[in-house]
């Protein structure tokens, strides 16, 4: 099983690209648990929710892993939960980073906020490009510091789609 993660700031096309990649290459897509959590709770999150949200994300991921698909596409993973917790609440539960580091992720597509417009959806909270760039940089810094396989994806929607399809296609054909 190869595990692909789409990561980066909000409103950069992660969910859309996950769907496009699944349509082209198959596999299973795991969505963003926090959206389900907010919809079911009908309120904004608070720091006390962070562990429940992260455990929900891991449970969805584990259920998909148990199906043993050739390709597992994660719309997000614990890195986003960690960074959002730090961004919104200035802290993060200690267990989350070790839980992230003990899992195998083979390729991360890091989506750049530049080149596409932010779209509000009732859950997003970083309309300013400077905020999204800071989140993007935090993702890049963490992924690089932890030796993760990362490919930046940028440009217009069509450029993102072409770059993601090309990179994942190459990765799926060339990696053992």
C-alpha atoms as a PDB file:
ATOM      1  CA  UNK A   1       0.000   0.000   0.000  1.00  0.00           C
ATOM      2  CA  UNK A   2       1.247   3.456  -0.929  1.00  0.00           C
ATOM      3  CA  UNK A   3       0.093   6.334   1.248  1.00  0.00           C
ATOM      4  CA  UNK A   4      -0.290   9.804  -0.256  1.00  0.00           C
ATOM      5  CA  UNK A   5      -1.046  12.849   1.905  1.00  0.00           C
ATOM      6  CA  UNK A   6      -2.376  16.180   0.680  1.00  0.00           C
ATOM      7  CA  UNK A   7      -1.406  18.863   3.146  1.00  0.00           C
ATOM      8  CA  UNK A   8      -1.166  22.615   3.478  1.00  0.00           C
ATOM      9  CA  UNK A   9      -3.398  25.539   4.344  1.00  0.00           C
ATOM     10  CA  UNK A  10      -7.125  25.735   3.874  1.00  0.00           C
ATOM     11  CA  UNK A  11      -8.708  26.552   0.519  1.00  0.00           C
ATOM     12  CA  UNK A  12      -5.808  25.232  -1.558  1.00  0.00           C
ATOM     13  CA  UNK A  13      -7.631  22.334  -3.224  1.00  0.00           C
ATOM     14  CA  UNK A  14      -6.750  19.340  -1.037  1.00  0.00           C
ATOM     15  CA  UNK A  15     -10.198  17.719  -1.095  1.00  0.00           C
ATOM     16  CA  UNK A  16     -10.717  18.474  -4.769  1.00  0.00           C
ATOM     17  CA  UNK A  17      -7.294  17.084  -5.714  1.00  0.00           C
ATOM     18  CA  UNK A  18      -7.824  13.991  -3.556  1.00  0.00           C
ATOM     19  CA  UNK A  19     -10.964  13.286  -5.568  1.00  0.00           C
ATOM     20  CA  UNK A  20      -9.199  13.960  -8.888  1.00  0.00           C
ATOM     21  CA  UNK A  21      -6.324  11.669  -7.914  1.00  0.00           C
ATOM     22  CA  UNK A  22      -8.707   8.906  -6.881  1.00  0.00           C
ATOM     23  CA  UNK A  23     -10.613   9.235 -10.141  1.00  0.00           C
ATOM     24  CA  UNK A  24      -7.356   8.864 -12.094  1.00  0.00           C
ATOM     25  CA  UNK A  25      -5.441   6.305 -10.005  1.00  0.00           C
ATOM     26  CA  UNK A  26      -8.064   4.543  -7.866  1.00  0.00           C
ATOM     27  CA  UNK A  27      -7.561   3.876  -4.203  1.00  0.00           C
ATOM     28  CA  UNK A  28      -9.398   5.088  -1.138  1.00  0.00           C
ATOM     29  CA  UNK A  29      -9.728   8.711  -0.034  1.00  0.00           C
ATOM     30  CA  UNK A  30      -9.882   9.551   3.660  1.00  0.00           C
ATOM     31  CA  UNK A  31     -11.559  12.877   4.291  1.00  0.00           C
ATOM     32  CA  UNK A  32     -10.955  15.529   6.906  1.00  0.00           C
ATOM     33  CA  UNK A  33     -12.491  14.382  10.188  1.00  0.00           C
ATOM     34  CA  UNK A  34     -12.638  17.880  11.695  1.00  0.00           C
ATOM     35  CA  UNK A  35     -15.283  18.879   9.112  1.00  0.00           C
ATOM     36  CA  UNK A  36     -17.451  15.950  10.243  1.00  0.00           C
ATOM     37  CA  UNK A  37     -16.831  16.901  13.877  1.00  0.00           C
ATOM     38  CA  UNK A  38     -17.854  20.539  13.375  1.00  0.00           C
ATOM     39  CA  UNK A  39     -20.944  19.525  11.379  1.00  0.00           C
ATOM     40  CA  UNK A  40     -22.035  17.031  14.031  1.00  0.00           C
ATOM     41  CA  UNK A  41     -21.323  19.335  16.998  1.00  0.00           C
ATOM     42  CA  UNK A  42     -22.783  22.449  15.320  1.00  0.00           C
ATOM     43  CA  UNK A  43     -20.230  24.709  17.031  1.00  0.00           C
ATOM     44  CA  UNK A  44     -16.681  25.935  16.731  1.00  0.00           C
ATOM     45  CA  UNK A  45     -13.986  23.742  18.167  1.00  0.00           C
ATOM     46  CA  UNK A  46     -12.141  24.424  21.408  1.00  0.00           C
ATOM     47  CA  UNK A  47      -8.844  23.121  22.754  1.00  0.00           C
ATOM     48  CA  UNK A  48     -10.636  20.339  24.645  1.00  0.00           C
ATOM     49  CA  UNK A  49     -11.804  18.962  21.266  1.00  0.00           C
ATOM     50  CA  UNK A  50      -8.328  18.595  19.744  1.00  0.00           C
ATOM     51  CA  UNK A  51      -7.617  15.069  20.978  1.00  0.00           C
ATOM     52  CA  UNK A  52     -11.064  13.823  19.965  1.00  0.00           C
ATOM     53  CA  UNK A  53     -10.648  15.318  16.497  1.00  0.00           C
ATOM     54  CA  UNK A  54      -7.160  13.820  16.096  1.00  0.00           C
ATOM     55  CA  UNK A  55      -8.329  10.399  17.295  1.00  0.00           C
ATOM     56  CA  UNK A  56     -11.251  10.581  14.878  1.00  0.00           C
ATOM     57  CA  UNK A  57      -8.856  11.363  12.024  1.00  0.00           C
ATOM     58  CA  UNK A  58      -6.654   8.422  13.000  1.00  0.00           C
ATOM     59  CA  UNK A  59      -9.672   6.106  13.262  1.00  0.00           C
ATOM     60  CA  UNK A  60     -10.789   7.035   9.739  1.00  0.00           C
ATOM     61  CA  UNK A  61      -7.245   6.528   8.474  1.00  0.00           C
ATOM     62  CA  UNK A  62      -6.902   3.175  10.253  1.00  0.00           C
ATOM     63  CA  UNK A  63     -10.231   1.930   8.886  1.00  0.00           C
ATOM     64  CA  UNK A  64      -9.042   2.745   5.363  1.00  0.00           C
ATOM     65  CA  UNK A  65      -5.624   1.156   5.968  1.00  0.00           C
ATOM     66  CA  UNK A  66      -7.367  -2.024   7.145  1.00  0.00           C
ATOM     67  CA  UNK A  67      -8.906  -2.340   3.675  1.00  0.00           C
ATOM     68  CA  UNK A  68      -5.360  -2.603   2.259  1.00  0.00           C
ATOM     69  CA  UNK A  69      -5.892  -0.537  -0.898  1.00  0.00           C
ATOM     70  CA  UNK A  70      -3.027  -0.204  -3.350  1.00  0.00           C
ATOM     71  CA  UNK A  71      -3.298   3.561  -2.901  1.00  0.00           C
ATOM     72  CA  UNK A  72      -4.480   5.407   0.189  1.00  0.00           C
ATOM     73  CA  UNK A  73      -5.103   9.128  -0.355  1.00  0.00           C
ATOM     74  CA  UNK A  74      -5.351  11.239   2.776  1.00  0.00           C
ATOM     75  CA  UNK A  75      -7.047  14.616   2.403  1.00  0.00           C
ATOM     76  CA  UNK A  76      -5.161  15.539   5.591  1.00  0.00           C
ATOM     77  CA  UNK A  77      -3.355  13.901   8.498  1.00  0.00           C
ATOM     78  CA  UNK A  78      -2.285  14.717  12.039  1.00  0.00           C
ATOM     79  CA  UNK A  79       0.123  17.428  10.914  1.00  0.00           C
ATOM     80  CA  UNK A  80      -2.829  19.680  10.126  1.00  0.00           C
ATOM     81  CA  UNK A  81      -4.393  18.895  13.504  1.00  0.00           C
ATOM     82  CA  UNK A  82      -1.111  19.712  15.255  1.00  0.00           C
ATOM     83  CA  UNK A  83      -0.587  22.982  13.404  1.00  0.00           C
ATOM     84  CA  UNK A  84      -4.204  24.106  13.745  1.00  0.00           C
ATOM     85  CA  UNK A  85      -4.092  23.378  17.469  1.00  0.00           C
ATOM     86  CA  UNK A  86      -0.967  25.495  17.821  1.00  0.00           C
ATOM     87  CA  UNK A  87      -2.373  28.246  15.574  1.00  0.00           C
ATOM     88  CA  UNK A  88      -5.762  28.503  17.257  1.00  0.00           C
ATOM     89  CA  UNK A  89      -4.932  27.623  20.851  1.00  0.00           C
ATOM     90  CA  UNK A  90      -1.161  28.090  21.228  1.00  0.00           C
ATOM     91  CA  UNK A  91      -0.718  24.499  22.354  1.00  0.00           C
ATOM     92  CA  UNK A  92      -1.087  20.902  21.220  1.00  0.00           C
ATOM     93  CA  UNK A  93      -1.550  17.633  23.115  1.00  0.00           C
ATOM     94  CA  UNK A  94       1.844  15.978  23.628  1.00  0.00           C
ATOM     95  CA  UNK A  95       0.804  12.601  22.206  1.00  0.00           C
ATOM     96  CA  UNK A  96      -0.004  13.859  18.704  1.00  0.00           C
ATOM     97  CA  UNK A  97       3.437  14.433  17.185  1.00  0.00           C
ATOM     98  CA  UNK A  98       4.802  11.004  18.263  1.00  0.00           C
ATOM     99  CA  UNK A  99       1.596   9.418  16.909  1.00  0.00           C
ATOM    100  CA  UNK A 100       2.201  11.115  13.569  1.00  0.00           C
ATOM    101  CA  UNK A 101       5.877  10.163  13.441  1.00  0.00           C
ATOM    102  CA  UNK A 102       5.240   6.451  14.052  1.00  0.00           C
ATOM    103  CA  UNK A 103       3.130   6.097  10.886  1.00  0.00           C
ATOM    104  CA  UNK A 104       4.313   5.548   7.335  1.00  0.00           C
ATOM    105  CA  UNK A 105       3.441   8.197   4.780  1.00  0.00           C
ATOM    106  CA  UNK A 106       5.162   7.819   1.434  1.00  0.00           C
ATOM    107  CA  UNK A 107       4.494  11.091  -0.399  1.00  0.00           C
ATOM    108  CA  UNK A 108       3.172  14.470   0.714  1.00  0.00           C
ATOM    109  CA  UNK A 109       1.780  16.973  -1.774  1.00  0.00           C
ATOM    110  CA  UNK A 110       2.152  20.354  -0.073  1.00  0.00           C
ATOM    111  CA  UNK A 111      -0.337  22.826  -1.528  1.00  0.00           C
ATOM    112  CA  UNK A 112       0.728  26.453  -1.783  1.00  0.00           C
ATOM    113  CA  UNK A 113      -1.938  29.099  -1.071  1.00  0.00           C
ATOM    114  CA  UNK A 114      -0.620  31.435  -3.770  1.00  0.00           C
ATOM    115  CA  UNK A 115      -2.238  31.352  -7.182  1.00  0.00           C
ATOM    116  CA  UNK A 116      -5.786  30.501  -6.087  1.00  0.00           C
ATOM    117  CA  UNK A 117      -8.453  32.518  -4.323  1.00  0.00           C
ATOM    118  CA  UNK A 118      -9.531  31.749  -0.786  1.00  0.00           C
ATOM    119  CA  UNK A 119     -13.131  30.503  -0.657  1.00  0.00           C
ATOM    120  CA  UNK A 120     -15.068  30.737   2.592  1.00  0.00           C
ATOM    121  CA  UNK A 121     -17.273  27.787   3.468  1.00  0.00           C
ATOM    122  CA  UNK A 122     -18.422  28.486   7.011  1.00  0.00           C
ATOM    123  CA  UNK A 123     -15.576  26.479   8.569  1.00  0.00           C
ATOM    124  CA  UNK A 124     -12.490  28.144   7.130  1.00  0.00           C
ATOM    125  CA  UNK A 125     -10.944  30.947   9.169  1.00  0.00           C
ATOM    126  CA  UNK A 126      -7.816  32.226   7.372  1.00  0.00           C
ATOM    127  CA  UNK A 127      -8.957  34.574   4.608  1.00  0.00           C
ATOM    128  CA  UNK A 128      -5.679  36.519   4.631  1.00  0.00           C
ATOM    129  CA  UNK A 129      -2.935  35.186   2.379  1.00  0.00           C
ATOM    130  CA  UNK A 130      -0.303  36.008   5.013  1.00  0.00           C
ATOM    131  CA  UNK A 131      -2.057  33.640   7.451  1.00  0.00           C
ATOM    132  CA  UNK A 132      -2.196  30.842   4.893  1.00  0.00           C
ATOM    133  CA  UNK A 133       1.445  31.410   3.908  1.00  0.00           C
ATOM    134  CA  UNK A 134       2.480  31.078   7.565  1.00  0.00           C
ATOM    135  CA  UNK A 135       0.575  27.786   7.785  1.00  0.00           C
ATOM    136  CA  UNK A 136       2.164  26.609   4.522  1.00  0.00           C
ATOM    137  CA  UNK A 137       5.626  27.450   5.847  1.00  0.00           C
ATOM    138  CA  UNK A 138       4.922  25.641   9.113  1.00  0.00           C
ATOM    139  CA  UNK A 139       3.929  22.536   7.127  1.00  0.00           C
ATOM    140  CA  UNK A 140       7.030  22.762   4.938  1.00  0.00           C
ATOM    141  CA  UNK A 141       9.304  23.268   7.941  1.00  0.00           C
ATOM    142  CA  UNK A 142       7.883  20.305   9.844  1.00  0.00           C
ATOM    143  CA  UNK A 143       7.907  17.957   6.837  1.00  0.00           C
ATOM    144  CA  UNK A 144      11.489  18.888   5.934  1.00  0.00           C
ATOM    145  CA  UNK A 145      12.725  18.642   9.534  1.00  0.00           C
ATOM    146  CA  UNK A 146      11.281  15.139   9.775  1.00  0.00           C
ATOM    147  CA  UNK A 147      12.668  13.890   6.462  1.00  0.00           C
ATOM    148  CA  UNK A 148       9.329  13.435   4.752  1.00  0.00           C
ATOM    149  CA  UNK A 149       8.995  12.983   0.977  1.00  0.00           C
ATOM    150  CA  UNK A 150       7.424  16.293  -0.108  1.00  0.00           C
ATOM    151  CA  UNK A 151       6.446  17.795  -3.446  1.00  0.00           C
ATOM    152  CA  UNK A 152       5.170  21.389  -3.459  1.00  0.00           C
ATOM    153  CA  UNK A 153       2.097  21.972  -5.629  1.00  0.00           C
ATOM    154  CA  UNK A 154       1.326  25.534  -6.745  1.00  0.00           C
ATOM    155  CA  UNK A 155      -0.255  27.631  -9.464  1.00  0.00           C
ATOM    156  CA  UNK A 156      -3.760  27.935 -10.805  1.00  0.00           C
ATOM    157  CA  UNK A 157      -6.341  25.194 -10.327  1.00  0.00           C
ATOM    158  CA  UNK A 158      -5.468  23.629 -13.687  1.00  0.00           C
ATOM    159  CA  UNK A 159      -1.723  23.887 -12.974  1.00  0.00           C
ATOM    160  CA  UNK A 160      -2.218  22.204  -9.585  1.00  0.00           C
ATOM    161  CA  UNK A 161      -4.216  19.428 -11.138  1.00  0.00           C
ATOM    162  CA  UNK A 162      -1.638  18.816 -13.872  1.00  0.00           C
ATOM    163  CA  UNK A 163       1.293  18.899 -11.416  1.00  0.00           C
ATOM    164  CA  UNK A 164      -0.405  16.565  -8.935  1.00  0.00           C
ATOM    165  CA  UNK A 165      -1.456  14.081 -11.613  1.00  0.00           C
ATOM    166  CA  UNK A 166       2.042  14.098 -13.116  1.00  0.00           C
ATOM    167  CA  UNK A 167       3.833  13.696  -9.769  1.00  0.00           C
ATOM    168  CA  UNK A 168       1.571  10.951  -8.452  1.00  0.00           C
ATOM    169  CA  UNK A 169       1.579   9.144 -11.792  1.00  0.00           C
ATOM    170  CA  UNK A 170       5.365   9.194 -11.847  1.00  0.00           C
ATOM    171  CA  UNK A 171       5.578   8.098  -8.213  1.00  0.00           C
ATOM    172  CA  UNK A 172       3.185   5.190  -8.704  1.00  0.00           C
ATOM    173  CA  UNK A 173       5.057   3.947 -11.783  1.00  0.00           C
ATOM    174  CA  UNK A 174       8.640   4.458 -10.621  1.00  0.00           C
ATOM    175  CA  UNK A 175       8.775   3.671  -6.912  1.00  0.00           C
ATOM    176  CA  UNK A 176       9.239   0.008  -6.015  1.00  0.00           C
END
